[in-house]
Amino acid sequence: MTLAVSPVTPDPQSVEVAAEALTRVQAYLRTHEDAAATVQLVEDGAGDTLVVPRGAIELLARVLAHMANGHSVSVVPAHAELTTQQAAELLNVSRPYLIGLLESGEIQFRKVGTHRRVLAGSLLAYKHRDDARRRAAADELTQLAQEMDLA
């Protein structure tokens, strides 16, 4: 399955609404840590109830956090297959650099004819590993700077 990744870019009003909603959603999640696996959302006026998985509310909190910071947001299922261009855009790297990552085995992919398809879950796993490596390197540099009295 190929998926078109089309981000939602918040306007200034959406940023404000997202920030307010984020505060309420985070408060709910903090005060209901041991709650059931589902959450009931009730509309104030009509009293209609919508039941959603708790995981969806946790994901909503992450989406709202990015929107509250003015960032564009895309939701991509982990099983989705991305083109190399889409994958490169999600990592914010060039397509040739991404191809190098694929060919070196850093990110899993499969070929459909002559085209490469990248599993979104594999791409995100690489991103998490890379972020962890970067944090470790930054921590090491900070420690060295402190040891040398440069900080």
C-alpha atoms as a PDB file:
ATOM      1  CA  MET A   1       0.000   0.000   0.000  1.00  0.00           C
ATOM      2  CA  THR A   2       1.395   3.393  -0.988  1.00  0.00           C
ATOM      3  CA  LEU A   3       0.321   6.341   1.123  1.00  0.00           C
ATOM      4  CA  ALA A   4       0.276  10.018   0.217  1.00  0.00           C
ATOM      5  CA  VAL A   5       1.714  11.929   3.144  1.00  0.00           C
ATOM      6  CA  SER A   6      -0.157  15.221   3.351  1.00  0.00           C
ATOM      7  CA  PRO A   7       0.622  17.206   6.488  1.00  0.00           C
ATOM      8  CA  VAL A   8      -1.838  19.465   8.275  1.00  0.00           C
ATOM      9  CA  THR A   9      -0.305  22.882   8.843  1.00  0.00           C
ATOM     10  CA  PRO A  10      -1.949  24.834  11.670  1.00  0.00           C
ATOM     11  CA  ASP A  11      -2.887  28.479  11.206  1.00  0.00           C
ATOM     12  CA  PRO A  12      -2.437  30.883  14.164  1.00  0.00           C
ATOM     13  CA  GLN A  13      -5.966  30.233  15.472  1.00  0.00           C
ATOM     14  CA  SER A  14      -5.431  26.459  15.287  1.00  0.00           C
ATOM     15  CA  VAL A  15      -2.176  26.833  17.228  1.00  0.00           C
ATOM     16  CA  GLU A  16      -4.078  28.540  20.066  1.00  0.00           C
ATOM     17  CA  VAL A  17      -6.897  25.983  20.046  1.00  0.00           C
ATOM     18  CA  ALA A  18      -4.374  23.102  19.989  1.00  0.00           C
ATOM     19  CA  ALA A  19      -2.468  24.578  22.953  1.00  0.00           C
ATOM     20  CA  GLU A  20      -5.650  24.881  25.015  1.00  0.00           C
ATOM     21  CA  ALA A  21      -6.832  21.395  24.061  1.00  0.00           C
ATOM     22  CA  LEU A  22      -3.390  19.935  24.816  1.00  0.00           C
ATOM     23  CA  THR A  23      -3.534  21.275  28.367  1.00  0.00           C
ATOM     24  CA  ARG A  24      -6.900  19.599  28.946  1.00  0.00           C
ATOM     25  CA  VAL A  25      -5.932  16.290  27.312  1.00  0.00           C
ATOM     26  CA  GLN A  26      -2.648  16.082  29.270  1.00  0.00           C
ATOM     27  CA  ALA A  27      -4.491  16.839  32.514  1.00  0.00           C
ATOM     28  CA  TYR A  28      -6.989  14.084  31.756  1.00  0.00           C
ATOM     29  CA  LEU A  29      -4.238  11.560  31.001  1.00  0.00           C
ATOM     30  CA  ARG A  30      -2.362  12.480  34.219  1.00  0.00           C
ATOM     31  CA  THR A  31      -5.435  12.186  36.431  1.00  0.00           C
ATOM     32  CA  HIS A  32      -6.660   8.977  34.807  1.00  0.00           C
ATOM     33  CA  GLU A  33      -3.427   6.974  34.567  1.00  0.00           C
ATOM     34  CA  ASP A  34      -5.041   3.716  35.704  1.00  0.00           C
ATOM     35  CA  ALA A  35      -8.189   4.194  33.652  1.00  0.00           C
ATOM     36  CA  ALA A  36      -9.696   1.635  31.328  1.00  0.00           C
ATOM     37  CA  ALA A  37      -8.442   1.020  27.821  1.00  0.00           C
ATOM     38  CA  THR A  38     -11.180   3.257  26.427  1.00  0.00           C
ATOM     39  CA  VAL A  39     -12.154   6.890  26.936  1.00  0.00           C
ATOM     40  CA  GLN A  40     -15.642   8.353  26.586  1.00  0.00           C
ATOM     41  CA  LEU A  41     -15.890  11.754  24.937  1.00  0.00           C
ATOM     42  CA  VAL A  42     -19.160  13.594  25.546  1.00  0.00           C
ATOM     43  CA  GLU A  43     -20.410  16.527  23.490  1.00  0.00           C
ATOM     44  CA  ASP A  44     -21.611  19.299  25.833  1.00  0.00           C
ATOM     45  CA  GLY A  45     -24.799  20.255  23.981  1.00  0.00           C
ATOM     46  CA  ALA A  46     -26.409  17.048  22.704  1.00  0.00           C
ATOM     47  CA  GLY A  47     -24.936  14.656  25.243  1.00  0.00           C
ATOM     48  CA  ASP A  48     -23.722  12.343  22.462  1.00  0.00           C
ATOM     49  CA  THR A  49     -20.997   9.939  23.598  1.00  0.00           C
ATOM     50  CA  LEU A  50     -18.072   8.722  21.537  1.00  0.00           C
ATOM     51  CA  VAL A  51     -15.889   5.889  22.887  1.00  0.00           C
ATOM     52  CA  VAL A  52     -12.276   5.806  21.658  1.00  0.00           C
ATOM     53  CA  PRO A  53      -9.215   3.765  22.619  1.00  0.00           C
ATOM     54  CA  ARG A  54      -6.950   5.387  25.224  1.00  0.00           C
ATOM     55  CA  GLY A  55      -4.065   5.023  22.769  1.00  0.00           C
ATOM     56  CA  ALA A  56      -5.905   7.326  20.375  1.00  0.00           C
ATOM     57  CA  ILE A  57      -6.109   9.994  23.100  1.00  0.00           C
ATOM     58  CA  GLU A  58      -2.383   9.592  23.814  1.00  0.00           C
ATOM     59  CA  LEU A  59      -1.667   9.984  20.091  1.00  0.00           C
ATOM     60  CA  LEU A  60      -3.980  13.003  19.990  1.00  0.00           C
ATOM     61  CA  ALA A  61      -1.903  14.587  22.771  1.00  0.00           C
ATOM     62  CA  ARG A  62       1.248  14.199  20.650  1.00  0.00           C
ATOM     63  CA  VAL A  63      -0.470  15.650  17.585  1.00  0.00           C
ATOM     64  CA  LEU A  64      -1.770  18.609  19.621  1.00  0.00           C
ATOM     65  CA  ALA A  65       1.700  19.243  21.092  1.00  0.00           C
ATOM     66  CA  HIS A  66       3.197  19.585  17.610  1.00  0.00           C
ATOM     67  CA  MET A  67       0.333  21.749  16.374  1.00  0.00           C
ATOM     68  CA  ALA A  68       0.555  23.973  19.475  1.00  0.00           C
ATOM     69  CA  ASN A  69       4.182  24.605  18.492  1.00  0.00           C
ATOM     70  CA  GLY A  70       3.079  25.565  14.971  1.00  0.00           C
ATOM     71  CA  HIS A  71       4.477  22.398  13.350  1.00  0.00           C
ATOM     72  CA  SER A  72       2.811  20.568  10.501  1.00  0.00           C
ATOM     73  CA  VAL A  73       1.600  17.080  11.397  1.00  0.00           C
ATOM     74  CA  SER A  74       1.077  13.876   9.413  1.00  0.00           C
ATOM     75  CA  VAL A  75      -0.307  10.622  10.746  1.00  0.00           C
ATOM     76  CA  VAL A  76       1.152   7.611   8.960  1.00  0.00           C
ATOM     77  CA  PRO A  77       0.222   4.020   9.872  1.00  0.00           C
ATOM     78  CA  ALA A  78       3.284   1.908  10.754  1.00  0.00           C
ATOM     79  CA  HIS A  79       2.353  -0.623   8.037  1.00  0.00           C
ATOM     80  CA  ALA A  80       2.171   2.028   5.302  1.00  0.00           C
ATOM     81  CA  GLU A  81       4.680   1.809   2.486  1.00  0.00           C
ATOM     82  CA  LEU A  82       6.291   5.076   1.494  1.00  0.00           C
ATOM     83  CA  THR A  83       8.093   6.072  -1.666  1.00  0.00           C
ATOM     84  CA  THR A  84      11.730   7.014  -1.241  1.00  0.00           C
ATOM     85  CA  GLN A  85      10.792  10.674  -1.753  1.00  0.00           C
ATOM     86  CA  GLN A  86       8.155  10.537   1.001  1.00  0.00           C
ATOM     87  CA  ALA A  87      10.580   8.746   3.344  1.00  0.00           C
ATOM     88  CA  ALA A  88      13.321  11.285   2.629  1.00  0.00           C
ATOM     89  CA  GLU A  89      10.925  14.149   3.358  1.00  0.00           C
ATOM     90  CA  LEU A  90       9.875  12.580   6.679  1.00  0.00           C
ATOM     91  CA  LEU A  91      13.541  12.278   7.720  1.00  0.00           C
ATOM     92  CA  ASN A  92      14.333  15.720   6.298  1.00  0.00           C
ATOM     93  CA  VAL A  93      17.192  14.316   4.206  1.00  0.00           C
ATOM     94  CA  SER A  94      17.885  14.164   0.487  1.00  0.00           C
ATOM     95  CA  ARG A  95      16.585  11.243  -1.522  1.00  0.00           C
ATOM     96  CA  PRO A  96      20.126  10.102  -2.483  1.00  0.00           C
ATOM     97  CA  TYR A  97      21.123  10.097   1.212  1.00  0.00           C
ATOM     98  CA  LEU A  98      18.051   7.999   2.035  1.00  0.00           C
ATOM     99  CA  ILE A  99      18.932   5.549  -0.766  1.00  0.00           C
ATOM    100  CA  GLY A 100      22.345   5.143   0.881  1.00  0.00           C
ATOM    101  CA  LEU A 101      20.668   4.332   4.208  1.00  0.00           C
ATOM    102  CA  LEU A 102      18.456   1.781   2.499  1.00  0.00           C
ATOM    103  CA  GLU A 103      21.290   0.106   0.609  1.00  0.00           C
ATOM    104  CA  SER A 104      23.499  -0.038   3.741  1.00  0.00           C
ATOM    105  CA  GLY A 105      20.735  -1.870   5.622  1.00  0.00           C
ATOM    106  CA  GLU A 106      20.011   0.929   8.118  1.00  0.00           C
ATOM    107  CA  ILE A 107      16.350   1.003   7.028  1.00  0.00           C
ATOM    108  CA  GLN A 108      14.375  -1.941   5.699  1.00  0.00           C
ATOM    109  CA  PHE A 109      12.738  -1.692   2.309  1.00  0.00           C
ATOM    110  CA  ARG A 110      11.427  -3.833  -0.487  1.00  0.00           C
ATOM    111  CA  LYS A 111      11.478  -3.471  -4.225  1.00  0.00           C
ATOM    112  CA  VAL A 112       8.364  -3.274  -6.351  1.00  0.00           C
ATOM    113  CA  GLY A 113       9.748  -3.697  -9.841  1.00  0.00           C
ATOM    114  CA  THR A 114      12.558  -1.143  -9.932  1.00  0.00           C
ATOM    115  CA  HIS A 115      11.063   1.065  -7.196  1.00  0.00           C
ATOM    116  CA  ARG A 116      11.910   0.916  -3.507  1.00  0.00           C
ATOM    117  CA  ARG A 117       9.156   0.999  -0.892  1.00  0.00           C
ATOM    118  CA  VAL A 118       9.964   1.862   2.718  1.00  0.00           C
ATOM    119  CA  LEU A 119       7.847   0.564   5.582  1.00  0.00           C
ATOM    120  CA  ALA A 120       6.885   3.541   7.756  1.00  0.00           C
ATOM    121  CA  GLY A 121       7.514   1.518  10.939  1.00  0.00           C
ATOM    122  CA  SER A 122      11.066   0.728   9.814  1.00  0.00           C
ATOM    123  CA  LEU A 123      11.662   4.382   8.959  1.00  0.00           C
ATOM    124  CA  LEU A 124      10.445   5.525  12.395  1.00  0.00           C
ATOM    125  CA  ALA A 125      12.551   2.859  14.141  1.00  0.00           C
ATOM    126  CA  TYR A 126      15.622   4.207  12.317  1.00  0.00           C
ATOM    127  CA  LYS A 127      14.685   7.773  13.298  1.00  0.00           C
ATOM    128  CA  HIS A 128      14.427   6.779  16.981  1.00  0.00           C
ATOM    129  CA  ARG A 129      17.817   5.007  16.845  1.00  0.00           C
ATOM    130  CA  ASP A 130      19.402   7.990  15.099  1.00  0.00           C
ATOM    131  CA  ASP A 131      17.892  10.449  17.606  1.00  0.00           C
ATOM    132  CA  ALA A 132      19.265   8.335  20.478  1.00  0.00           C
ATOM    133  CA  ARG A 133      22.738   8.298  18.873  1.00  0.00           C
ATOM    134  CA  ARG A 134      22.638  12.077  18.453  1.00  0.00           C
ATOM    135  CA  ARG A 135      21.572  12.614  22.080  1.00  0.00           C
ATOM    136  CA  ALA A 136      24.361  10.328  23.298  1.00  0.00           C
ATOM    137  CA  ALA A 137      26.927  12.217  21.202  1.00  0.00           C
ATOM    138  CA  ALA A 138      25.654  15.582  22.485  1.00  0.00           C
ATOM    139  CA  ASP A 139      25.773  14.311  26.087  1.00  0.00           C
ATOM    140  CA  GLU A 140      29.348  13.117  25.562  1.00  0.00           C
ATOM    141  CA  LEU A 141      30.389  16.491  24.121  1.00  0.00           C
ATOM    142  CA  THR A 142      28.747  18.288  27.044  1.00  0.00           C
ATOM    143  CA  GLN A 143      30.588  16.064  29.512  1.00  0.00           C
ATOM    144  CA  LEU A 144      33.924  16.635  27.753  1.00  0.00           C
ATOM    145  CA  ALA A 145      33.349  20.402  27.731  1.00  0.00           C
ATOM    146  CA  GLN A 146      32.621  20.343  31.470  1.00  0.00           C
ATOM    147  CA  GLU A 147      35.716  18.245  32.181  1.00  0.00           C
ATOM    148  CA  MET A 148      37.819  20.738  30.232  1.00  0.00           C
ATOM    149  CA  ASP A 149      36.162  23.705  31.979  1.00  0.00           C
ATOM    150  CA  LEU A 150      34.831  25.008  28.681  1.00  0.00           C
ATOM    151  CA  ALA A 151      31.210  25.131  29.771  1.00  0.00           C
END
